[in-house]
C-alpha atoms as a PDB file:
ATOM      1  CA  GLN A   1     -15.760 -48.136  42.012  1.00  0.00           C
ATOM      2  CA  ILE A   2     -13.662 -45.546  40.199  1.00  0.00           C
ATOM      3  CA  LYS A   3     -10.011 -45.441  41.095  1.00  0.00           C
ATOM      4  CA  ALA A   4      -8.494 -41.956  41.188  1.00  0.00           C
ATOM      5  CA  SER A   5      -5.217 -41.426  39.384  1.00  0.00           C
ATOM      6  CA  ASN A   6      -2.670 -38.697  40.017  1.00  0.00           C
ATOM      7  CA  LYS A   7      -0.820 -39.396  36.777  1.00  0.00           C
ATOM      8  CA  ALA A   8      -0.827 -36.526  34.308  1.00  0.00           C
ATOM      9  CA  THR A   9      -2.595 -37.252  31.024  1.00  0.00           C
ATOM     10  CA  PRO A  10      -1.697 -35.712  27.601  1.00  0.00           C
ATOM     11  CA  THR A  11      -4.860 -33.557  27.746  1.00  0.00           C
ATOM     12  CA  MET A  12      -3.897 -32.334  31.195  1.00  0.00           C
ATOM     13  CA  ILE A  13      -0.386 -31.519  29.980  1.00  0.00           C
ATOM     14  CA  SER A  14      -1.762 -29.535  27.035  1.00  0.00           C
ATOM     15  CA  THR A  15      -4.135 -27.543  29.276  1.00  0.00           C
ATOM     16  CA  ILE A  16      -1.477 -26.802  31.874  1.00  0.00           C
ATOM     17  CA  SER A  17       0.970 -25.835  29.140  1.00  0.00           C
ATOM     18  CA  LEU A  18      -1.400 -23.296  27.640  1.00  0.00           C
ATOM     19  CA  LEU A  19      -2.249 -21.774  31.022  1.00  0.00           C
ATOM     20  CA  ALA A  20       1.401 -21.509  31.974  1.00  0.00           C
ATOM     21  CA  VAL A  21       2.343 -19.678  28.780  1.00  0.00           C
ATOM     22  CA  VAL A  22      -0.518 -17.220  29.277  1.00  0.00           C
ATOM     23  CA  LEU A  23       0.562 -16.555  32.872  1.00  0.00           C
ATOM     24  CA  LEU A  24       4.211 -16.118  31.884  1.00  0.00           C
ATOM     25  CA  ILE A  25       3.721 -13.846  28.883  1.00  0.00           C
ATOM     26  CA  PHE A  26       0.747 -11.698  29.855  1.00  0.00           C
ATOM     27  CA  SER A  27       0.461  -9.617  32.987  1.00  0.00           C
ATOM     28  CA  PRO A  28      -2.249  -7.107  34.069  1.00  0.00           C
ATOM     29  CA  ASP A  29       0.490  -4.541  34.771  1.00  0.00           C
ATOM     30  CA  THR A  30       1.342  -4.363  31.075  1.00  0.00           C
ATOM     31  CA  ALA A  31      -2.200  -3.402  30.038  1.00  0.00           C
ATOM     32  CA  SER A  32      -2.546   0.318  29.338  1.00  0.00           C
ATOM     33  CA  GLU A  33      -4.575   2.555  27.156  1.00  0.00           C
ATOM     34  CA  GLN A  34      -2.936   2.844  23.749  1.00  0.00           C
ATOM     35  CA  PRO A  35      -3.153   5.827  21.402  1.00  0.00           C
ATOM     36  CA  VAL A  36      -5.349   5.415  18.359  1.00  0.00           C
ATOM     37  CA  SER A  37      -2.577   6.280  15.900  1.00  0.00           C
ATOM     38  CA  ARG A  38      -0.821   3.324  14.305  1.00  0.00           C
ATOM     39  CA  PRO A  39       2.113   3.231  11.870  1.00  0.00           C
ATOM     40  CA  ILE A  40       1.553   0.498   9.275  1.00  0.00           C
ATOM     41  CA  GLN A  41       3.527  -1.092   6.449  1.00  0.00           C
ATOM     42  CA  ILE A  42       1.863  -2.350   3.279  1.00  0.00           C
ATOM     43  CA  LYS A  43       4.040  -4.775   1.302  1.00  0.00           C
ATOM     44  CA  ASN A  44       3.163  -5.643  -2.282  1.00  0.00           C
ATOM     45  CA  GLU A  45       3.960  -9.329  -2.826  1.00  0.00           C
ATOM     46  CA  SER A  46       1.229  -9.918  -5.409  1.00  0.00           C
ATOM     47  CA  GLY A  47       3.474  -9.985  -8.463  1.00  0.00           C
ATOM     48  CA  LYS A  48       1.556  -7.037  -9.951  1.00  0.00           C
ATOM     49  CA  PRO A  49       1.484  -3.244  -9.468  1.00  0.00           C
ATOM     50  CA  THR A  50      -1.238  -1.971  -7.147  1.00  0.00           C
ATOM     51  CA  GLU A  51      -2.900   1.262  -6.102  1.00  0.00           C
ATOM     52  CA  ILE A  52      -3.716   2.115  -2.480  1.00  0.00           C
ATOM     53  CA  TYR A  53      -6.612   4.402  -1.556  1.00  0.00           C
ATOM     54  CA  TRP A  54      -7.717   5.661   1.853  1.00  0.00           C
ATOM     55  CA  VAL A  55     -11.506   5.334   2.129  1.00  0.00           C
ATOM     56  CA  ASN A  56     -12.448   8.652   3.732  1.00  0.00           C
ATOM     57  CA  SER A  57     -16.215   9.058   4.230  1.00  0.00           C
ATOM     58  CA  GLY A  58     -16.907   7.399   0.882  1.00  0.00           C
ATOM     59  CA  GLN A  59     -14.174   9.327  -0.944  1.00  0.00           C
ATOM     60  CA  MET A  60     -11.071   7.592  -2.273  1.00  0.00           C
ATOM     61  CA  VAL A  61      -7.841   9.415  -1.355  1.00  0.00           C
ATOM     62  CA  LYS A  62      -4.923   7.925  -3.289  1.00  0.00           C
ATOM     63  CA  GLN A  63      -1.863   7.048  -1.163  1.00  0.00           C
ATOM     64  CA  THR A  64       0.449   5.743  -3.905  1.00  0.00           C
ATOM     65  CA  SER A  65       2.189   7.999  -6.418  1.00  0.00           C
ATOM     66  CA  PRO A  66       1.510   6.578  -8.835  1.00  0.00           C
ATOM     67  CA  LEU A  67       1.789   2.840  -8.024  1.00  0.00           C
ATOM     68  CA  LEU A  68       3.027   0.373  -5.444  1.00  0.00           C
ATOM     69  CA  VAL A  69       5.090  -1.962  -7.603  1.00  0.00           C
ATOM     70  CA  ASN A  70       5.732  -5.597  -6.767  1.00  0.00           C
ATOM     71  CA  GLY A  71       8.308  -5.905  -3.968  1.00  0.00           C
ATOM     72  CA  GLN A  72       7.799  -2.330  -2.772  1.00  0.00           C
ATOM     73  CA  THR A  73       6.675  -1.298   0.738  1.00  0.00           C
ATOM     74  CA  LEU A  74       4.418   1.639   1.574  1.00  0.00           C
ATOM     75  CA  GLU A  75       4.785   3.081   5.079  1.00  0.00           C
ATOM     76  CA  LEU A  76       1.885   5.107   6.463  1.00  0.00           C
ATOM     77  CA  ASN A  77       1.000   6.781   9.746  1.00  0.00           C
ATOM     78  CA  SER A  78      -2.636   5.811  10.124  1.00  0.00           C
ATOM     79  CA  TYR A  79      -5.312   5.396  12.802  1.00  0.00           C
ATOM     80  CA  VAL A  80      -7.298   2.507  14.238  1.00  0.00           C
ATOM     81  CA  ASN A  81     -10.372   1.604  12.123  1.00  0.00           C
ATOM     82  CA  HIS A  82      -9.142   3.540   9.081  1.00  0.00           C
ATOM     83  CA  THR A  83      -9.887   1.557   5.926  1.00  0.00           C
ATOM     84  CA  PHE A  84      -7.827   1.317   2.740  1.00  0.00           C
ATOM     85  CA  LEU A  85      -8.697  -0.067  -0.686  1.00  0.00           C
ATOM     86  CA  VAL A  86      -6.035  -2.179  -2.400  1.00  0.00           C
ATOM     87  CA  LYS A  87      -6.643  -2.291  -6.143  1.00  0.00           C
ATOM     88  CA  GLU A  88      -4.808  -4.204  -8.836  1.00  0.00           C
ATOM     89  CA  PHE A  89      -3.432  -1.974 -11.609  1.00  0.00           C
ATOM     90  CA  LEU A  90      -4.142  -3.698 -14.907  1.00  0.00           C
ATOM     91  CA  VAL A  91      -1.229  -3.463 -17.322  1.00  0.00           C
ATOM     92  CA  GLY A  92      -2.074  -3.365 -21.039  1.00  0.00           C
ATOM     93  CA  GLU A  93      -5.847  -3.319 -20.645  1.00  0.00           C
ATOM     94  CA  PRO A  94      -7.825  -2.102 -23.708  1.00  0.00           C
ATOM     95  CA  GLU A  95      -8.548   1.616 -23.932  1.00  0.00           C
ATOM     96  CA  GLU A  96     -12.281   0.912 -24.103  1.00  0.00           C
ATOM     97  CA  CYS A  97     -12.107  -0.628 -20.643  1.00  0.00           C
ATOM     98  CA  LYS A  98     -10.205   2.334 -19.199  1.00  0.00           C
ATOM     99  CA  ALA A  99     -12.734   4.728 -20.695  1.00  0.00           C
ATOM    100  CA  ASP A 100     -15.763   2.844 -19.397  1.00  0.00           C
ATOM    101  CA  PRO A 101     -14.855   0.971 -16.190  1.00  0.00           C
ATOM    102  CA  LEU A 102     -18.518   0.331 -15.350  1.00  0.00           C
ATOM    103  CA  ASN A 103     -18.660  -2.144 -18.238  1.00  0.00           C
ATOM    104  CA  TYR A 104     -16.291  -4.401 -16.306  1.00  0.00           C
ATOM    105  CA  LYS A 105     -19.463  -6.026 -15.012  1.00  0.00           C
ATOM    106  CA  SER A 106     -21.019  -6.478 -18.447  1.00  0.00           C
ATOM    107  CA  PRO A 107     -20.867 -10.094 -19.738  1.00  0.00           C
ATOM    108  CA  THR A 108     -20.766  -8.777 -23.322  1.00  0.00           C
ATOM    109  CA  ARG A 109     -17.433  -7.075 -22.689  1.00  0.00           C
ATOM    110  CA  SER A 110     -15.282 -10.191 -22.422  1.00  0.00           C
ATOM    111  CA  ARG A 111     -12.098  -8.220 -23.102  1.00  0.00           C
ATOM    112  CA  CYS A 112     -12.607  -6.126 -19.984  1.00  0.00           C
ATOM    113  CA  LYS A 113     -11.265  -7.878 -16.910  1.00  0.00           C
ATOM    114  CA  PRO A 114     -12.253  -6.282 -13.594  1.00  0.00           C
ATOM    115  CA  PRO A 115      -9.250  -5.501 -11.403  1.00  0.00           C
ATOM    116  CA  SER A 116      -8.889  -7.560  -8.234  1.00  0.00           C
ATOM    117  CA  GLU A 117      -9.308  -5.524  -5.080  1.00  0.00           C
ATOM    118  CA  ALA A 118      -9.451  -5.896  -1.320  1.00  0.00           C
ATOM    119  CA  TYR A 119     -10.013  -3.765   1.760  1.00  0.00           C
ATOM    120  CA  ILE A 120      -7.684  -3.283   4.722  1.00  0.00           C
ATOM    121  CA  THR A 121      -8.796  -1.968   8.121  1.00  0.00           C
ATOM    122  CA  VAL A 122      -6.200  -0.838  10.654  1.00  0.00           C
ATOM    123  CA  ASN A 123      -6.621  -2.701  13.958  1.00  0.00           C
ATOM    124  CA  ASP A 124      -5.480  -1.627  17.433  1.00  0.00           C
ATOM    125  CA  ASN A 125      -2.422  -3.902  17.552  1.00  0.00           C
ATOM    126  CA  ASP A 126       1.147  -2.645  17.157  1.00  0.00           C
ATOM    127  CA  ASP A 127       3.729  -3.432  14.455  1.00  0.00           C
ATOM    128  CA  GLN A 128       1.163  -3.977  11.703  1.00  0.00           C
ATOM    129  CA  VAL A 129       2.551  -5.303   8.424  1.00  0.00           C
ATOM    130  CA  ILE A 130      -0.006  -5.960   5.673  1.00  0.00           C
ATOM    131  CA  HIS A 131       1.076  -8.380   2.949  1.00  0.00           C
ATOM    132  CA  ILE A 132      -0.660  -8.101  -0.433  1.00  0.00           C
ATOM    133  CA  LEU A 133      -0.506 -11.584  -1.919  1.00  0.00           C
ATOM    134  CA  LYS A 134      -1.557 -13.087  -5.255  1.00  0.00           C
ATOM    135  CA  ASP A 135      -5.055 -12.090  -6.469  1.00  0.00           C
ATOM    136  CA  MET A 136      -5.105  -9.307  -3.841  1.00  0.00           C
ATOM    137  CA  GLU A 137      -5.341 -11.726  -0.936  1.00  0.00           C
ATOM    138  CA  ILE A 138      -4.474  -9.928   2.308  1.00  0.00           C
ATOM    139  CA  GLU A 139      -2.408 -11.321   5.172  1.00  0.00           C
ATOM    140  CA  THR A 140      -1.855  -9.211   8.295  1.00  0.00           C
ATOM    141  CA  GLU A 141       1.043  -9.599  10.693  1.00  0.00           C
ATOM    142  CA  ASP A 142       1.043  -7.639  13.952  1.00  0.00           C
ATOM    143  CA  SER A 143       2.087  -7.742  17.609  1.00  0.00           C
ATOM    144  CA  GLN A 144      -0.786 -10.078  18.519  1.00  0.00           C
ATOM    145  CA  SER A 145      -0.033 -12.611  15.786  1.00  0.00           C
ATOM    146  CA  LYS A 146       3.673 -12.525  16.715  1.00  0.00           C
ATOM    147  CA  ALA A 147       2.848 -13.105  20.388  1.00  0.00           C
ATOM    148  CA  HIS A 148       0.572 -15.994  19.405  1.00  0.00           C
ATOM    149  CA  ASP A 149       3.327 -17.591  17.301  1.00  0.00           C
ATOM    150  CA  ILE A 150       5.803 -17.250  20.180  1.00  0.00           C
ATOM    151  CA  ALA A 151       3.335 -18.785  22.649  1.00  0.00           C
ATOM    152  CA  VAL A 152       2.621 -21.714  20.330  1.00  0.00           C
ATOM    153  CA  SER A 153       6.339 -22.285  19.738  1.00  0.00           C
ATOM    154  CA  ILE A 154       7.113 -22.331  23.478  1.00  0.00           C
ATOM    155  CA  THR A 155       4.090 -24.510  24.261  1.00  0.00           C
ATOM    156  CA  LEU A 156       4.966 -27.137  21.658  1.00  0.00           C
ATOM    157  CA  ALA A 157       8.642 -27.277  22.659  1.00  0.00           C
ATOM    158  CA  CYS A 158       7.928 -27.699  26.374  1.00  0.00           C
ATOM    159  CA  GLN A 159       4.930 -29.982  25.857  1.00  0.00           C
ATOM    160  CA  GLU A 160       7.083 -32.380  23.829  1.00  0.00           C
ATOM    161  CA  MET A 161       9.761 -32.395  26.525  1.00  0.00           C
ATOM    162  CA  ILE A 162       7.284 -33.007  29.357  1.00  0.00           C
ATOM    163  CA  THR A 163       5.450 -35.716  27.410  1.00  0.00           C
ATOM    164  CA  LYS A 164       8.733 -37.646  27.193  1.00  0.00           C
ATOM    165  CA  GLN A 165       9.288 -37.183  30.927  1.00  0.00           C
ATOM    166  CA  THR A 166       5.798 -38.400  31.876  1.00  0.00           C
ATOM    167  CA  SER A 167       6.138 -41.469  29.690  1.00  0.00           C
ATOM    168  CA  ALA A 168       9.329 -42.397  31.538  1.00  0.00           C
ATOM    169  CA  THR A 169       8.302 -41.501  35.120  1.00  0.00           C
ATOM    170  CA  MET A 170       5.108 -40.969  37.107  1.00  0.00           C
ATOM    171  CA  MET A 171       4.373 -37.235  37.528  1.00  0.00           C
ATOM    172  CA  ASP A 172       1.453 -35.612  39.340  1.00  0.00           C
ATOM    173  CA  PRO A 173      -0.119 -32.371  37.996  1.00  0.00           C
ATOM    174  CA  SER A 174       1.945 -30.095  40.258  1.00  0.00           C
ATOM    175  CA  GLN A 175       5.170 -31.708  39.045  1.00  0.00           C
ATOM    176  CA  VAL A 176       4.031 -31.274  35.436  1.00  0.00           C
ATOM    177  CA  LEU A 177       3.314 -27.589  36.014  1.00  0.00           C
ATOM    178  CA  ASN A 178       6.682 -27.036  37.708  1.00  0.00           C
ATOM    179  CA  ALA A 179       8.450 -28.843  34.891  1.00  0.00           C
ATOM    180  CA  PHE A 180       6.685 -26.733  32.293  1.00  0.00           C
ATOM    181  CA  VAL A 181       7.539 -23.481  34.088  1.00  0.00           C
ATOM    182  CA  ASP A 182      11.197 -24.562  34.310  1.00  0.00           C
ATOM    183  CA  CYS A 183      11.127 -25.214  30.560  1.00  0.00           C
ATOM    184  CA  ALA A 184       9.186 -22.143  29.452  1.00  0.00           C
ATOM    185  CA  GLN A 185      10.614 -19.474  31.717  1.00  0.00           C
ATOM    186  CA  PRO A 186      14.066 -19.174  30.066  1.00  0.00           C
ATOM    187  CA  LEU A 187      12.430 -19.231  26.635  1.00  0.00           C
ATOM    188  CA  VAL A 188      10.091 -16.383  27.605  1.00  0.00           C
ATOM    189  CA  VAL A 189      12.960 -14.406  29.156  1.00  0.00           C
ATOM    190  CA  ASN A 190      14.947 -14.811  25.945  1.00  0.00           C
ATOM    191  CA  GLU A 191      12.014 -13.562  23.830  1.00  0.00           C
ATOM    192  CA  LEU A 192      11.566 -10.527  26.096  1.00  0.00           C
ATOM    193  CA  HIS A 193      15.302  -9.820  25.939  1.00  0.00           C
ATOM    194  CA  GLU A 194      15.290  -9.951  22.138  1.00  0.00           C
ATOM    195  CA  ALA A 195      12.237  -7.671  21.981  1.00  0.00           C
ATOM    196  CA  HIS A 196      13.888  -5.171  24.352  1.00  0.00           C
ATOM    197  CA  LYS A 197      17.108  -5.228  22.343  1.00  0.00           C
ATOM    198  CA  GLU A 198      15.206  -4.614  19.106  1.00  0.00           C
ATOM    199  CA  SER A 199      13.283  -1.741  20.724  1.00  0.00           C
ATOM    200  CA  LYS A 200      16.535  -0.101  21.867  1.00  0.00           C
ATOM    201  CA  GLU A 201      18.063  -0.437  18.415  1.00  0.00           C
ATOM    202  CA  GLN A 202      15.007   1.152  16.803  1.00  0.00           C
ATOM    203  CA  ALA A 203      15.032   3.997  19.349  1.00  0.00           C
ATOM    204  CA  LYS A 204      18.724   4.662  18.668  1.00  0.00           C
ATOM    205  CA  MET A 205      18.071   4.670  14.917  1.00  0.00           C
ATOM    206  CA  ARG A 206      15.254   7.211  15.347  1.00  0.00           C
ATOM    207  CA  MET A 207      17.476   9.448  17.469  1.00  0.00           C
ATOM    208  CA  ASP A 208      20.342   9.253  14.950  1.00  0.00           C
ATOM    209  CA  LEU A 209      18.051  10.041  12.028  1.00  0.00           C
ATOM    210  CA  GLY A 210      16.328  12.785  14.006  1.00  0.00           C
ATOM    211  CA  SER A 211      19.577  14.558  14.849  1.00  0.00           C
ATOM    212  CA  GLN A 212      20.755  14.401  11.224  1.00  0.00           C
ATOM    213  CA  TRP A 213      17.427  15.720   9.923  1.00  0.00           C
ATOM    214  CA  GLU A 214      17.395  18.592  12.426  1.00  0.00           C
ATOM    215  CA  GLU A 215      20.954  19.568  11.520  1.00  0.00           C
ATOM    216  CA  TYR A 216      20.022  19.536   7.840  1.00  0.00           C
ATOM    217  CA  SER A 217      16.897  21.604   8.479  1.00  0.00           C
ATOM    218  CA  CYS A 218      18.829  24.262  10.368  1.00  0.00           C
ATOM    219  CA  LYS A 219      21.522  24.553   7.710  1.00  0.00           C
ATOM    220  CA  ASP A 220      19.212  24.739   4.697  1.00  0.00           C
ATOM    221  CA  MET A 221      18.692  28.477   4.168  1.00  0.00           C
ATOM    222  CA  ASP A 222      16.221  27.874   1.334  1.00  0.00           C
ATOM    223  CA  LEU A 223      13.613  26.279   3.598  1.00  0.00           C
ATOM    224  CA  PRO A 224      10.936  28.565   5.081  1.00  0.00           C
ATOM    225  CA  THR A 225      11.270  29.172   8.810  1.00  0.00           C
ATOM    226  CA  THR A 226       8.708  27.275  10.859  1.00  0.00           C
ATOM    227  CA  ALA A 227       6.597  28.913  13.552  1.00  0.00           C
ATOM    228  CA  PRO A 228       8.368  28.870  16.947  1.00  0.00           C
ATOM    229  CA  LYS A 229       7.208  26.396  19.558  1.00  0.00           C
ATOM    230  CA  SER A 230       7.587  29.080  22.228  1.00  0.00           C
ATOM    231  CA  THR A 231       8.810  32.679  22.511  1.00  0.00           C
ATOM    232  CA  HIS A 232      11.147  34.079  25.205  1.00  0.00           C
ATOM    233  CA  TYR A 233      12.896  37.390  25.914  1.00  0.00           C
ATOM    234  CA  TRP A 234      16.407  38.155  27.201  1.00  0.00           C
ATOM    235  CA  GLN A 235      18.539  41.229  27.725  1.00  0.00           C
ATOM    236  CA  ASP A 236      22.095  41.677  26.500  1.00  0.00           C
ATOM    237  CA  ASP A 237      24.885  43.455  28.421  1.00  0.00           C
ATOM    238  CA  ASP A 238      23.683  46.824  27.143  1.00  0.00           C
ATOM    239  CA  GLY A 239      20.194  46.257  28.524  1.00  0.00           C
ATOM    240  CA  LYS A 240      18.601  45.769  25.113  1.00  0.00           C
ATOM    241  CA  GLU A 241      15.760  43.266  25.043  1.00  0.00           C
ATOM    242  CA  HIS A 242      15.659  40.578  22.341  1.00  0.00           C
ATOM    243  CA  GLU A 243      12.844  38.261  21.291  1.00  0.00           C
ATOM    244  CA  VAL A 244      13.911  34.620  20.918  1.00  0.00           C
ATOM    245  CA  GLY A 245      11.782  31.990  19.212  1.00  0.00           C
ATOM    246  CA  VAL A 246      12.413  28.343  20.128  1.00  0.00           C
ATOM    247  CA  LEU A 247      12.083  26.305  16.926  1.00  0.00           C
ATOM    248  CA  LEU A 248      13.428  22.963  18.155  1.00  0.00           C
ATOM    249  CA  ASP A 249      12.933  21.705  21.696  1.00  0.00           C
ATOM    250  CA  ARG A 250      14.743  18.389  21.584  1.00  0.00           C
ATOM    251  CA  ASP A 251      17.934  17.112  23.182  1.00  0.00           C
ATOM    252  CA  GLU A 252      19.724  17.164  19.822  1.00  0.00           C
ATOM    253  CA  ALA A 253      18.923  20.874  19.382  1.00  0.00           C
ATOM    254  CA  LYS A 254      20.190  21.978  22.812  1.00  0.00           C
ATOM    255  CA  ILE A 255      23.678  23.333  23.465  1.00  0.00           C
END
């Protein structure tokens, strides 16, 4: 005869913990169709200068001018599934190698070292930061990886707390779940608050920079006038009609 037990086991705690984090962090209401454009950052942490090329239908379109040096960040407005080639720039390589790069693959040309390279493909997650590491190893950080790290952090913290509670007192599965929610909920709220605060700060920065750039653009008489976004007509007190072109249609440009 098998005796049923209502005591929560470590495996049960782990399973409940994972399910609770998923339910707390993700909601169907937040799912929406995202645009295909994605701003990305490429950070060179390889210790060597690199070149970045956009792979466009087999053609290599260089994005660095001329190089992305170690410690430098390249910011690009790209699109999902666009691919980039990251190529090590060899410093002090022999002229014969520069003149005949195909001989990199020849075993008789021992002086010619082929440059390390890697490919990057833009995914559909937000906040993508691509780290170029030693030997052109690529590490990608984005909204999904950040959410995963947050979920793991909350799960481990609350799982440890509940494990201590269950070792001291008898708890059934419903009590374990309630205890985990009580533990995780304030942590999730805090993460959402920090994310909202960061989003507001970034929005304010964009608005501040946008207003300064627009003011500069309007005052620089040497810049060519852009095509108007829309054209309107108005009459002065003498009945004369004037054509007015709207160049900027933003809050900062309105009087």
